[in-house]
Amino acid sequence: MNFETFVRPFIVPPGKKISLKKDHDPGYTGKFVTKKDALQILQRGVQLLAEYQDKLYAQSTQALLVILQAMDAAGKDGTIKHVMSGLNPQGCEVYSFKAPSAEELDHDYLWRNFKVLPERGRIGIFNRSYYEEVLIARVHPEILERQQLPPELKRQKDIWKRRFGEINNFERYLVDNGISVMKFFLNVSKDEQKTRFLERIEQSEKNWKFSAADAKERAFWEDYMTAYEGMLSHTSTEWAPWHVIPADNKWFTRLAVAAVIVAKMKELDPQYPTVTEEHEQELLEAKRMLEEEK
């Protein structure tokens, strides 16, 4: 499969105002009509990711930041588990961002994300991210009120526009310093979310993944969709575009995310470091010594 061609429909064109209802179908599966087809290609994608990661880690000049945003039950955890299953844990870190702590509220909203950015040669995965500051904080104004900001900054009418610009500049800074930013919105439908919530209630082994607050948030569904559309329209850039991934079919979601990351890795083209002539002589000497051991 040509991963580069496959991923094009998911990219949000920079500067385009999008409508999730009109432009993106949560149930889309392209030409892959069976789960079996997708699983076979996903296995190849996971293998390619492992090969690229090994080179990325050895080269240690570039890093990859993968950001996953979605409504509850869209499949973020499962995507991380299945797509990243073949990666070396030494070169990959996953961070989940919950409600900010008292310490985090005493800093700017990018601080807690900034301090765990991936090191060179590594892949960092953010399960939710600083984008919550233009999503849940927008849907629930009381969250913004609790932040330790000067009152006049909280009440500015252009606060979301300002934050969009701050985030774009931040990501530009990361890219200019060798950290590629990959952003995924897992687009699940309201009906499919309901089905998954019911599964979490009915299956005892999944009870821990559900809370009553999850169901209550469904009352704000349209508000969230408006917030997501604003986020996608204003922060999909040439240097860090958004990818809207259909999420009603988990097998397709995982394939799509893997394909996008493989395509990016191919573009980065990491290579194993070249051995210097001096190091090569050292290796030959070490080989001679080992072979002469009795």
C-alpha atoms as a PDB file:
ATOM      1  CA  MET A   1       0.000   0.000   0.000  1.00  0.00           C
ATOM      2  CA  ASN A   2       1.151   3.529  -0.778  1.00  0.00           C
ATOM      3  CA  PHE A   3       0.922   5.130   2.663  1.00  0.00           C
ATOM      4  CA  GLU A   4       1.480   8.683   1.353  1.00  0.00           C
ATOM      5  CA  THR A   5      -1.529   8.482  -1.001  1.00  0.00           C
ATOM      6  CA  PHE A   6      -3.677   6.726   1.595  1.00  0.00           C
ATOM      7  CA  VAL A   7      -3.339   9.494   4.198  1.00  0.00           C
ATOM      8  CA  ARG A   8      -4.199  12.503   2.005  1.00  0.00           C
ATOM      9  CA  PRO A   9      -7.978  12.500   2.676  1.00  0.00           C
ATOM     10  CA  PHE A  10      -7.350  12.859   6.414  1.00  0.00           C
ATOM     11  CA  ILE A  11      -5.244  16.037   6.261  1.00  0.00           C
ATOM     12  CA  VAL A  12      -6.915  19.321   7.230  1.00  0.00           C
ATOM     13  CA  PRO A  13      -5.708  21.870   4.638  1.00  0.00           C
ATOM     14  CA  PRO A  14      -4.029  24.807   6.417  1.00  0.00           C
ATOM     15  CA  GLY A  15      -6.234  27.877   6.490  1.00  0.00           C
ATOM     16  CA  LYS A  16      -9.418  26.006   5.561  1.00  0.00           C
ATOM     17  CA  LYS A  17     -12.507  26.353   7.726  1.00  0.00           C
ATOM     18  CA  ILE A  18     -13.915  22.857   8.097  1.00  0.00           C
ATOM     19  CA  SER A  19     -17.201  21.289   9.109  1.00  0.00           C
ATOM     20  CA  LEU A  20     -16.918  17.893  10.772  1.00  0.00           C
ATOM     21  CA  LYS A  21     -20.465  16.958   9.725  1.00  0.00           C
ATOM     22  CA  LYS A  22     -19.988  17.891   6.070  1.00  0.00           C
ATOM     23  CA  ASP A  23     -16.309  17.135   5.486  1.00  0.00           C
ATOM     24  CA  HIS A  24     -15.528  14.065   7.609  1.00  0.00           C
ATOM     25  CA  ASP A  25     -17.454  10.807   7.954  1.00  0.00           C
ATOM     26  CA  PRO A  26     -16.649   8.965  11.239  1.00  0.00           C
ATOM     27  CA  GLY A  27     -17.581   5.667   9.551  1.00  0.00           C
ATOM     28  CA  TYR A  28     -15.331   6.068   6.494  1.00  0.00           C
ATOM     29  CA  THR A  29     -13.196   3.012   5.652  1.00  0.00           C
ATOM     30  CA  GLY A  30     -12.067   3.787   2.124  1.00  0.00           C
ATOM     31  CA  LYS A  31     -11.560   0.717  -0.008  1.00  0.00           C
ATOM     32  CA  PHE A  32     -10.848  -1.478   3.007  1.00  0.00           C
ATOM     33  CA  VAL A  33     -14.119  -3.311   3.402  1.00  0.00           C
ATOM     34  CA  THR A  34     -12.903  -6.004   5.766  1.00  0.00           C
ATOM     35  CA  LYS A  35     -11.146  -5.938   9.091  1.00  0.00           C
ATOM     36  CA  LYS A  36      -8.816  -8.713   7.899  1.00  0.00           C
ATOM     37  CA  ASP A  37      -7.438  -6.563   5.068  1.00  0.00           C
ATOM     38  CA  ALA A  38      -6.688  -3.712   7.434  1.00  0.00           C
ATOM     39  CA  LEU A  39      -5.036  -5.921  10.072  1.00  0.00           C
ATOM     40  CA  GLN A  40      -2.602  -7.373   7.542  1.00  0.00           C
ATOM     41  CA  ILE A  41      -1.534  -3.925   6.369  1.00  0.00           C
ATOM     42  CA  LEU A  42      -1.365  -2.649   9.960  1.00  0.00           C
ATOM     43  CA  GLN A  43       1.088  -5.425  10.817  1.00  0.00           C
ATOM     44  CA  ARG A  44       3.328  -4.252   7.984  1.00  0.00           C
ATOM     45  CA  GLY A  45       2.974  -0.663   9.172  1.00  0.00           C
ATOM     46  CA  VAL A  46       3.965  -1.596  12.733  1.00  0.00           C
ATOM     47  CA  GLN A  47       7.009  -3.433  11.377  1.00  0.00           C
ATOM     48  CA  LEU A  48       8.051  -0.394   9.325  1.00  0.00           C
ATOM     49  CA  LEU A  49       7.603   1.868  12.348  1.00  0.00           C
ATOM     50  CA  ALA A  50       9.909  -0.361  14.392  1.00  0.00           C
ATOM     51  CA  GLU A  51      12.565  -0.206  11.677  1.00  0.00           C
ATOM     52  CA  TYR A  52      12.312   3.576  11.368  1.00  0.00           C
ATOM     53  CA  GLN A  53      12.335   4.013  15.155  1.00  0.00           C
ATOM     54  CA  ASP A  54      15.549   2.046  15.477  1.00  0.00           C
ATOM     55  CA  LYS A  55      17.246   4.397  13.008  1.00  0.00           C
ATOM     56  CA  LEU A  56      15.702   7.480  14.618  1.00  0.00           C
ATOM     57  CA  TYR A  57      17.024   6.407  18.017  1.00  0.00           C
ATOM     58  CA  ALA A  58      20.488   5.641  16.669  1.00  0.00           C
ATOM     59  CA  GLN A  59      20.723   8.880  14.715  1.00  0.00           C
ATOM     60  CA  SER A  60      19.597  10.959  17.733  1.00  0.00           C
ATOM     61  CA  THR A  61      19.132  14.243  15.852  1.00  0.00           C
ATOM     62  CA  GLN A  62      15.357  14.276  15.329  1.00  0.00           C
ATOM     63  CA  ALA A  63      12.321  13.549  17.493  1.00  0.00           C
ATOM     64  CA  LEU A  64       8.654  12.852  16.836  1.00  0.00           C
ATOM     65  CA  LEU A  65       5.735  14.178  18.891  1.00  0.00           C
ATOM     66  CA  VAL A  66       2.405  12.405  18.323  1.00  0.00           C
ATOM     67  CA  ILE A  67      -0.675  14.183  19.699  1.00  0.00           C
ATOM     68  CA  LEU A  68      -4.027  12.383  20.063  1.00  0.00           C
ATOM     69  CA  GLN A  69      -7.196  14.369  20.735  1.00  0.00           C
ATOM     70  CA  ALA A  70     -10.729  13.008  20.775  1.00  0.00           C
ATOM     71  CA  MET A  71     -14.006  12.732  22.573  1.00  0.00           C
ATOM     72  CA  ASP A  72     -14.200  10.032  25.253  1.00  0.00           C
ATOM     73  CA  ALA A  73     -14.283   6.428  23.965  1.00  0.00           C
ATOM     74  CA  ALA A  74     -12.917   7.382  20.541  1.00  0.00           C
ATOM     75  CA  GLY A  75     -10.103   4.850  20.906  1.00  0.00           C
ATOM     76  CA  LYS A  76      -6.997   6.814  21.884  1.00  0.00           C
ATOM     77  CA  ASP A  77      -5.685   4.157  24.308  1.00  0.00           C
ATOM     78  CA  GLY A  78      -6.328   1.304  21.890  1.00  0.00           C
ATOM     79  CA  THR A  79      -4.658   3.183  19.057  1.00  0.00           C
ATOM     80  CA  ILE A  80      -1.534   3.762  21.139  1.00  0.00           C
ATOM     81  CA  LYS A  81      -1.487   0.095  22.189  1.00  0.00           C
ATOM     82  CA  HIS A  82      -1.887  -1.387  18.701  1.00  0.00           C
ATOM     83  CA  VAL A  83       0.027   1.103  16.553  1.00  0.00           C
ATOM     84  CA  MET A  84       3.007   1.430  18.882  1.00  0.00           C
ATOM     85  CA  SER A  85       3.130  -2.253  19.867  1.00  0.00           C
ATOM     86  CA  GLY A  86       6.367  -2.961  17.994  1.00  0.00           C
ATOM     87  CA  LEU A  87       8.349   0.035  19.241  1.00  0.00           C
ATOM     88  CA  ASN A  88      11.315  -0.205  21.584  1.00  0.00           C
ATOM     89  CA  PRO A  89      10.190   1.179  24.974  1.00  0.00           C
ATOM     90  CA  GLN A  90      13.624   2.815  25.387  1.00  0.00           C
ATOM     91  CA  GLY A  91      12.810   5.213  22.572  1.00  0.00           C
ATOM     92  CA  CYS A  92       9.157   5.944  23.255  1.00  0.00           C
ATOM     93  CA  GLU A  93       7.260   7.708  26.066  1.00  0.00           C
ATOM     94  CA  VAL A  94       3.500   8.134  26.526  1.00  0.00           C
ATOM     95  CA  TYR A  95       1.998  10.920  28.634  1.00  0.00           C
ATOM     96  CA  SER A  96      -1.683  11.300  29.529  1.00  0.00           C
ATOM     97  CA  PHE A  97      -2.803  14.761  30.566  1.00  0.00           C
ATOM     98  CA  LYS A  98      -5.646  14.887  33.076  1.00  0.00           C
ATOM     99  CA  ALA A  99      -6.989  17.911  34.959  1.00  0.00           C
ATOM    100  CA  PRO A 100      -4.032  20.171  35.850  1.00  0.00           C
ATOM    101  CA  SER A 101      -2.580  19.997  39.354  1.00  0.00           C
ATOM    102  CA  ALA A 102      -2.150  22.993  41.669  1.00  0.00           C
ATOM    103  CA  GLU A 103       1.490  23.237  40.605  1.00  0.00           C
ATOM    104  CA  GLU A 104       0.559  23.131  36.926  1.00  0.00           C
ATOM    105  CA  LEU A 105      -2.066  25.834  37.396  1.00  0.00           C
ATOM    106  CA  ASP A 106       0.689  28.076  38.777  1.00  0.00           C
ATOM    107  CA  HIS A 107       2.448  27.912  35.394  1.00  0.00           C
ATOM    108  CA  ASP A 108       1.477  28.823  31.845  1.00  0.00           C
ATOM    109  CA  TYR A 109      -0.719  26.274  30.067  1.00  0.00           C
ATOM    110  CA  LEU A 110       2.114  24.947  27.873  1.00  0.00           C
ATOM    111  CA  TRP A 111       4.466  24.277  30.787  1.00  0.00           C
ATOM    112  CA  ARG A 112       3.411  20.750  31.737  1.00  0.00           C
ATOM    113  CA  ASN A 113       3.635  19.663  28.108  1.00  0.00           C
ATOM    114  CA  PHE A 114       6.893  21.464  27.426  1.00  0.00           C
ATOM    115  CA  LYS A 115       8.773  19.712  30.214  1.00  0.00           C
ATOM    116  CA  VAL A 116       8.009  16.226  28.825  1.00  0.00           C
ATOM    117  CA  LEU A 117       8.751  16.845  25.145  1.00  0.00           C
ATOM    118  CA  PRO A 118      10.573  13.912  23.513  1.00  0.00           C
ATOM    119  CA  GLU A 119      14.357  13.916  23.521  1.00  0.00           C
ATOM    120  CA  ARG A 120      16.246  13.674  20.258  1.00  0.00           C
ATOM    121  CA  GLY A 121      15.951  10.187  18.828  1.00  0.00           C
ATOM    122  CA  ARG A 122      12.713   9.470  20.663  1.00  0.00           C
ATOM    123  CA  ILE A 123       8.980   9.338  19.959  1.00  0.00           C
ATOM    124  CA  GLY A 124       6.711  11.126  22.429  1.00  0.00           C
ATOM    125  CA  ILE A 125       2.985  10.439  22.542  1.00  0.00           C
ATOM    126  CA  PHE A 126       0.555  12.864  24.170  1.00  0.00           C
ATOM    127  CA  ASN A 127      -2.807  11.330  25.089  1.00  0.00           C
ATOM    128  CA  ARG A 128      -4.600  14.697  25.136  1.00  0.00           C
ATOM    129  CA  SER A 129      -2.392  17.767  25.270  1.00  0.00           C
ATOM    130  CA  TYR A 130      -2.244  21.546  25.463  1.00  0.00           C
ATOM    131  CA  TYR A 131      -5.150  21.546  23.001  1.00  0.00           C
ATOM    132  CA  GLU A 132      -7.439  20.905  25.969  1.00  0.00           C
ATOM    133  CA  GLU A 133      -6.894  24.624  26.660  1.00  0.00           C
ATOM    134  CA  VAL A 134      -8.929  25.529  23.557  1.00  0.00           C
ATOM    135  CA  LEU A 135     -11.404  22.647  23.941  1.00  0.00           C
ATOM    136  CA  ILE A 136     -12.664  21.790  27.428  1.00  0.00           C
ATOM    137  CA  ALA A 137     -11.672  25.224  28.728  1.00  0.00           C
ATOM    138  CA  ARG A 138     -13.803  26.731  25.964  1.00  0.00           C
ATOM    139  CA  VAL A 139     -16.787  24.462  26.532  1.00  0.00           C
ATOM    140  CA  HIS A 140     -16.616  24.943  30.317  1.00  0.00           C
ATOM    141  CA  PRO A 141     -15.755  28.612  31.077  1.00  0.00           C
ATOM    142  CA  GLU A 142     -15.425  27.824  34.792  1.00  0.00           C
ATOM    143  CA  ILE A 143     -12.189  25.964  33.992  1.00  0.00           C
ATOM    144  CA  LEU A 144     -10.706  29.095  32.481  1.00  0.00           C
ATOM    145  CA  GLU A 145     -11.823  31.088  35.516  1.00  0.00           C
ATOM    146  CA  ARG A 146      -9.853  28.770  37.829  1.00  0.00           C
ATOM    147  CA  GLN A 147      -6.624  29.373  35.952  1.00  0.00           C
ATOM    148  CA  GLN A 148      -4.096  31.664  37.581  1.00  0.00           C
ATOM    149  CA  LEU A 149      -4.287  34.374  34.944  1.00  0.00           C
ATOM    150  CA  PRO A 150      -4.698  38.133  35.336  1.00  0.00           C
ATOM    151  CA  PRO A 151      -8.473  38.829  35.196  1.00  0.00           C
ATOM    152  CA  GLU A 152      -8.192  41.053  32.138  1.00  0.00           C
ATOM    153  CA  LEU A 153      -6.531  38.262  30.138  1.00  0.00           C
ATOM    154  CA  LYS A 154      -9.296  35.779  30.953  1.00  0.00           C
ATOM    155  CA  ARG A 155     -12.011  38.125  29.765  1.00  0.00           C
ATOM    156  CA  GLN A 156     -10.493  39.219  26.474  1.00  0.00           C
ATOM    157  CA  LYS A 157     -12.868  38.400  23.621  1.00  0.00           C
ATOM    158  CA  ASP A 158     -10.011  37.160  21.455  1.00  0.00           C
ATOM    159  CA  ILE A 159      -8.533  34.755  24.020  1.00  0.00           C
ATOM    160  CA  TRP A 160      -9.108  31.677  21.816  1.00  0.00           C
ATOM    161  CA  LYS A 161      -7.702  33.385  18.737  1.00  0.00           C
ATOM    162  CA  ARG A 162      -4.694  34.399  20.838  1.00  0.00           C
ATOM    163  CA  ARG A 163      -4.176  30.854  22.075  1.00  0.00           C
ATOM    164  CA  PHE A 164      -4.431  29.466  18.553  1.00  0.00           C
ATOM    165  CA  GLY A 165      -1.599  31.789  17.570  1.00  0.00           C
ATOM    166  CA  GLU A 166       0.469  30.876  20.628  1.00  0.00           C
ATOM    167  CA  ILE A 167       0.090  27.157  19.890  1.00  0.00           C
ATOM    168  CA  ASN A 168       1.003  27.628  16.218  1.00  0.00           C
ATOM    169  CA  ASN A 169       4.118  29.558  17.209  1.00  0.00           C
ATOM    170  CA  PHE A 170       5.040  26.914  19.801  1.00  0.00           C
ATOM    171  CA  GLU A 171       4.759  24.114  17.252  1.00  0.00           C
ATOM    172  CA  ARG A 172       6.747  26.123  14.723  1.00  0.00           C
ATOM    173  CA  TYR A 173       9.478  26.422  17.353  1.00  0.00           C
ATOM    174  CA  LEU A 174       9.439  22.649  17.921  1.00  0.00           C
ATOM    175  CA  VAL A 175       9.661  21.852  14.211  1.00  0.00           C
ATOM    176  CA  ASP A 176      12.476  24.381  13.756  1.00  0.00           C
ATOM    177  CA  ASN A 177      14.358  22.494  16.476  1.00  0.00           C
ATOM    178  CA  GLY A 178      13.983  19.039  14.974  1.00  0.00           C
ATOM    179  CA  ILE A 179      10.790  17.863  16.697  1.00  0.00           C
ATOM    180  CA  SER A 180       8.195  16.866  14.104  1.00  0.00           C
ATOM    181  CA  VAL A 181       4.641  17.401  15.365  1.00  0.00           C
ATOM    182  CA  MET A 182       1.940  14.953  14.252  1.00  0.00           C
ATOM    183  CA  LYS A 183      -1.632  15.695  15.312  1.00  0.00           C
ATOM    184  CA  PHE A 184      -4.600  13.330  15.186  1.00  0.00           C
ATOM    185  CA  PHE A 185      -8.252  14.001  15.947  1.00  0.00           C
ATOM    186  CA  LEU A 186     -10.045  10.655  16.280  1.00  0.00           C
ATOM    187  CA  ASN A 187     -13.476  11.484  14.913  1.00  0.00           C
ATOM    188  CA  VAL A 188     -16.065   9.254  16.591  1.00  0.00           C
ATOM    189  CA  SER A 189     -19.813   9.713  16.099  1.00  0.00           C
ATOM    190  CA  LYS A 190     -22.168  10.385  18.979  1.00  0.00           C
ATOM    191  CA  ASP A 191     -24.030   7.114  18.304  1.00  0.00           C
ATOM    192  CA  GLU A 192     -20.833   5.064  18.359  1.00  0.00           C
ATOM    193  CA  GLN A 193     -19.714   6.757  21.573  1.00  0.00           C
ATOM    194  CA  LYS A 194     -23.018   5.732  23.170  1.00  0.00           C
ATOM    195  CA  THR A 195     -22.487   2.121  22.077  1.00  0.00           C
ATOM    196  CA  ARG A 196     -18.988   2.065  23.577  1.00  0.00           C
ATOM    197  CA  PHE A 197     -20.158   3.659  26.807  1.00  0.00           C
ATOM    198  CA  LEU A 198     -22.809   0.945  27.185  1.00  0.00           C
ATOM    199  CA  GLU A 199     -20.153  -1.725  26.599  1.00  0.00           C
ATOM    200  CA  ARG A 200     -18.040  -0.227  29.363  1.00  0.00           C
ATOM    201  CA  ILE A 201     -20.992  -0.403  31.732  1.00  0.00           C
ATOM    202  CA  GLU A 202     -22.118  -3.893  30.756  1.00  0.00           C
ATOM    203  CA  GLN A 203     -18.676  -5.537  30.699  1.00  0.00           C
ATOM    204  CA  SER A 204     -17.212  -5.738  34.194  1.00  0.00           C
ATOM    205  CA  GLU A 205     -13.621  -5.694  32.967  1.00  0.00           C
ATOM    206  CA  LYS A 206     -14.296  -2.314  31.359  1.00  0.00           C
ATOM    207  CA  ASN A 207     -16.147  -0.691  34.277  1.00  0.00           C
ATOM    208  CA  TRP A 208     -12.977   1.087  35.402  1.00  0.00           C
ATOM    209  CA  LYS A 209     -12.859   3.016  32.122  1.00  0.00           C
ATOM    210  CA  PHE A 210     -16.239   4.665  32.674  1.00  0.00           C
ATOM    211  CA  SER A 211     -17.569   7.318  35.027  1.00  0.00           C
ATOM    212  CA  ALA A 212     -20.939   9.038  35.208  1.00  0.00           C
ATOM    213  CA  ALA A 213     -19.207  12.283  34.237  1.00  0.00           C
ATOM    214  CA  ASP A 214     -18.456  10.786  30.813  1.00  0.00           C
ATOM    215  CA  ALA A 215     -22.159  10.399  30.062  1.00  0.00           C
ATOM    216  CA  LYS A 216     -22.963  13.893  31.382  1.00  0.00           C
ATOM    217  CA  GLU A 217     -20.460  15.423  28.956  1.00  0.00           C
ATOM    218  CA  ARG A 218     -22.592  14.162  26.050  1.00  0.00           C
ATOM    219  CA  ALA A 219     -24.958  17.045  26.806  1.00  0.00           C
ATOM    220  CA  PHE A 220     -22.195  19.356  25.504  1.00  0.00           C
ATOM    221  CA  TRP A 221     -21.577  17.377  22.300  1.00  0.00           C
ATOM    222  CA  GLU A 222     -22.421  20.208  19.890  1.00  0.00           C
ATOM    223  CA  ASP A 223     -20.344  22.658  21.924  1.00  0.00           C
ATOM    224  CA  TYR A 224     -17.392  20.303  21.683  1.00  0.00           C
ATOM    225  CA  MET A 225     -17.843  19.876  17.931  1.00  0.00           C
ATOM    226  CA  THR A 226     -17.806  23.666  17.533  1.00  0.00           C
ATOM    227  CA  ALA A 227     -14.647  23.876  19.653  1.00  0.00           C
ATOM    228  CA  TYR A 228     -12.973  21.097  17.652  1.00  0.00           C
ATOM    229  CA  GLU A 229     -13.862  22.732  14.355  1.00  0.00           C
ATOM    230  CA  GLY A 230     -12.327  25.988  15.564  1.00  0.00           C
ATOM    231  CA  MET A 231      -9.201  24.170  16.720  1.00  0.00           C
ATOM    232  CA  LEU A 232      -8.790  22.233  13.472  1.00  0.00           C
ATOM    233  CA  SER A 233      -9.453  25.263  11.280  1.00  0.00           C
ATOM    234  CA  HIS A 234      -7.042  27.580  13.099  1.00  0.00           C
ATOM    235  CA  THR A 235      -4.168  25.274  14.089  1.00  0.00           C
ATOM    236  CA  SER A 236      -3.673  23.034  11.062  1.00  0.00           C
ATOM    237  CA  THR A 237      -0.501  24.485   9.586  1.00  0.00           C
ATOM    238  CA  GLU A 238       2.033  23.638   6.898  1.00  0.00           C
ATOM    239  CA  TRP A 239       4.526  22.653   9.603  1.00  0.00           C
ATOM    240  CA  ALA A 240       2.069  20.780  11.852  1.00  0.00           C
ATOM    241  CA  PRO A 241      -1.145  19.768  10.034  1.00  0.00           C
ATOM    242  CA  TRP A 242      -4.091  18.072  11.706  1.00  0.00           C
ATOM    243  CA  HIS A 243      -5.308  14.655  10.569  1.00  0.00           C
ATOM    244  CA  VAL A 244      -8.994  13.863  11.113  1.00  0.00           C
ATOM    245  CA  ILE A 245      -9.160  10.079  11.493  1.00  0.00           C
ATOM    246  CA  PRO A 246     -12.489   8.211  11.142  1.00  0.00           C
ATOM    247  CA  ALA A 247     -12.986   6.474  14.493  1.00  0.00           C
ATOM    248  CA  ASP A 248     -16.234   4.511  14.322  1.00  0.00           C
ATOM    249  CA  ASN A 249     -14.284   1.407  13.232  1.00  0.00           C
ATOM    250  CA  LYS A 250     -11.316   0.809  15.511  1.00  0.00           C
ATOM    251  CA  TRP A 251      -9.477  -1.398  13.027  1.00  0.00           C
ATOM    252  CA  PHE A 252      -9.546   1.378  10.443  1.00  0.00           C
ATOM    253  CA  THR A 253      -8.568   4.052  12.965  1.00  0.00           C
ATOM    254  CA  ARG A 254      -5.431   2.148  13.909  1.00  0.00           C
ATOM    255  CA  LEU A 255      -4.481   1.522  10.290  1.00  0.00           C
ATOM    256  CA  ALA A 256      -4.957   5.195   9.388  1.00  0.00           C
ATOM    257  CA  VAL A 257      -2.850   6.495  12.293  1.00  0.00           C
ATOM    258  CA  ALA A 258      -0.090   3.994  11.530  1.00  0.00           C
ATOM    259  CA  ALA A 259      -0.118   4.978   7.850  1.00  0.00           C
ATOM    260  CA  VAL A 260       0.245   8.684   8.662  1.00  0.00           C
ATOM    261  CA  ILE A 261       3.180   8.060  11.016  1.00  0.00           C
ATOM    262  CA  VAL A 262       4.897   5.709   8.555  1.00  0.00           C
ATOM    263  CA  ALA A 263       4.546   8.321   5.807  1.00  0.00           C
ATOM    264  CA  LYS A 264       6.113  10.941   8.088  1.00  0.00           C
ATOM    265  CA  MET A 265       8.958   8.631   9.083  1.00  0.00           C
ATOM    266  CA  LYS A 266       9.641   7.929   5.425  1.00  0.00           C
ATOM    267  CA  GLU A 267       9.819  11.675   4.827  1.00  0.00           C
ATOM    268  CA  LEU A 268      12.236  12.172   7.753  1.00  0.00           C
ATOM    269  CA  ASP A 269      14.344   9.285   6.435  1.00  0.00           C
ATOM    270  CA  PRO A 270      16.449   8.641   9.577  1.00  0.00           C
ATOM    271  CA  GLN A 271      19.729   6.816   9.008  1.00  0.00           C
ATOM    272  CA  TYR A 272      22.154   4.886  11.146  1.00  0.00           C
ATOM    273  CA  PRO A 273      25.205   7.016  12.002  1.00  0.00           C
ATOM    274  CA  THR A 274      28.168   6.668   9.657  1.00  0.00           C
ATOM    275  CA  VAL A 275      31.169   5.052  11.306  1.00  0.00           C
ATOM    276  CA  THR A 276      34.351   7.132  11.062  1.00  0.00           C
ATOM    277  CA  GLU A 277      37.556   5.607   9.734  1.00  0.00           C
ATOM    278  CA  GLU A 278      39.089   5.856  13.211  1.00  0.00           C
ATOM    279  CA  HIS A 279      36.124   4.025  14.775  1.00  0.00           C
ATOM    280  CA  GLU A 280      36.268   1.393  12.053  1.00  0.00           C
ATOM    281  CA  GLN A 281      39.908   0.713  12.927  1.00  0.00           C
ATOM    282  CA  GLU A 282      38.953   0.416  16.587  1.00  0.00           C
ATOM    283  CA  LEU A 283      36.309  -2.150  15.669  1.00  0.00           C
ATOM    284  CA  LEU A 284      38.795  -4.174  13.656  1.00  0.00           C
ATOM    285  CA  GLU A 285      41.241  -4.107  16.547  1.00  0.00           C
ATOM    286  CA  ALA A 286      38.528  -5.198  18.986  1.00  0.00           C
ATOM    287  CA  LYS A 287      37.549  -8.013  16.622  1.00  0.00           C
ATOM    288  CA  ARG A 288      41.188  -9.172  16.423  1.00  0.00           C
ATOM    289  CA  MET A 289      41.526  -9.201  20.204  1.00  0.00           C
ATOM    290  CA  LEU A 290      38.312 -11.168  20.667  1.00  0.00           C
ATOM    291  CA  GLU A 291      39.275 -13.732  18.043  1.00  0.00           C
ATOM    292  CA  GLU A 292      42.686 -14.232  19.675  1.00  0.00           C
ATOM    293  CA  GLU A 293      41.198 -14.979  23.061  1.00  0.00           C
ATOM    294  CA  LYS A 294      41.797 -18.517  24.297  1.00  0.00           C
END
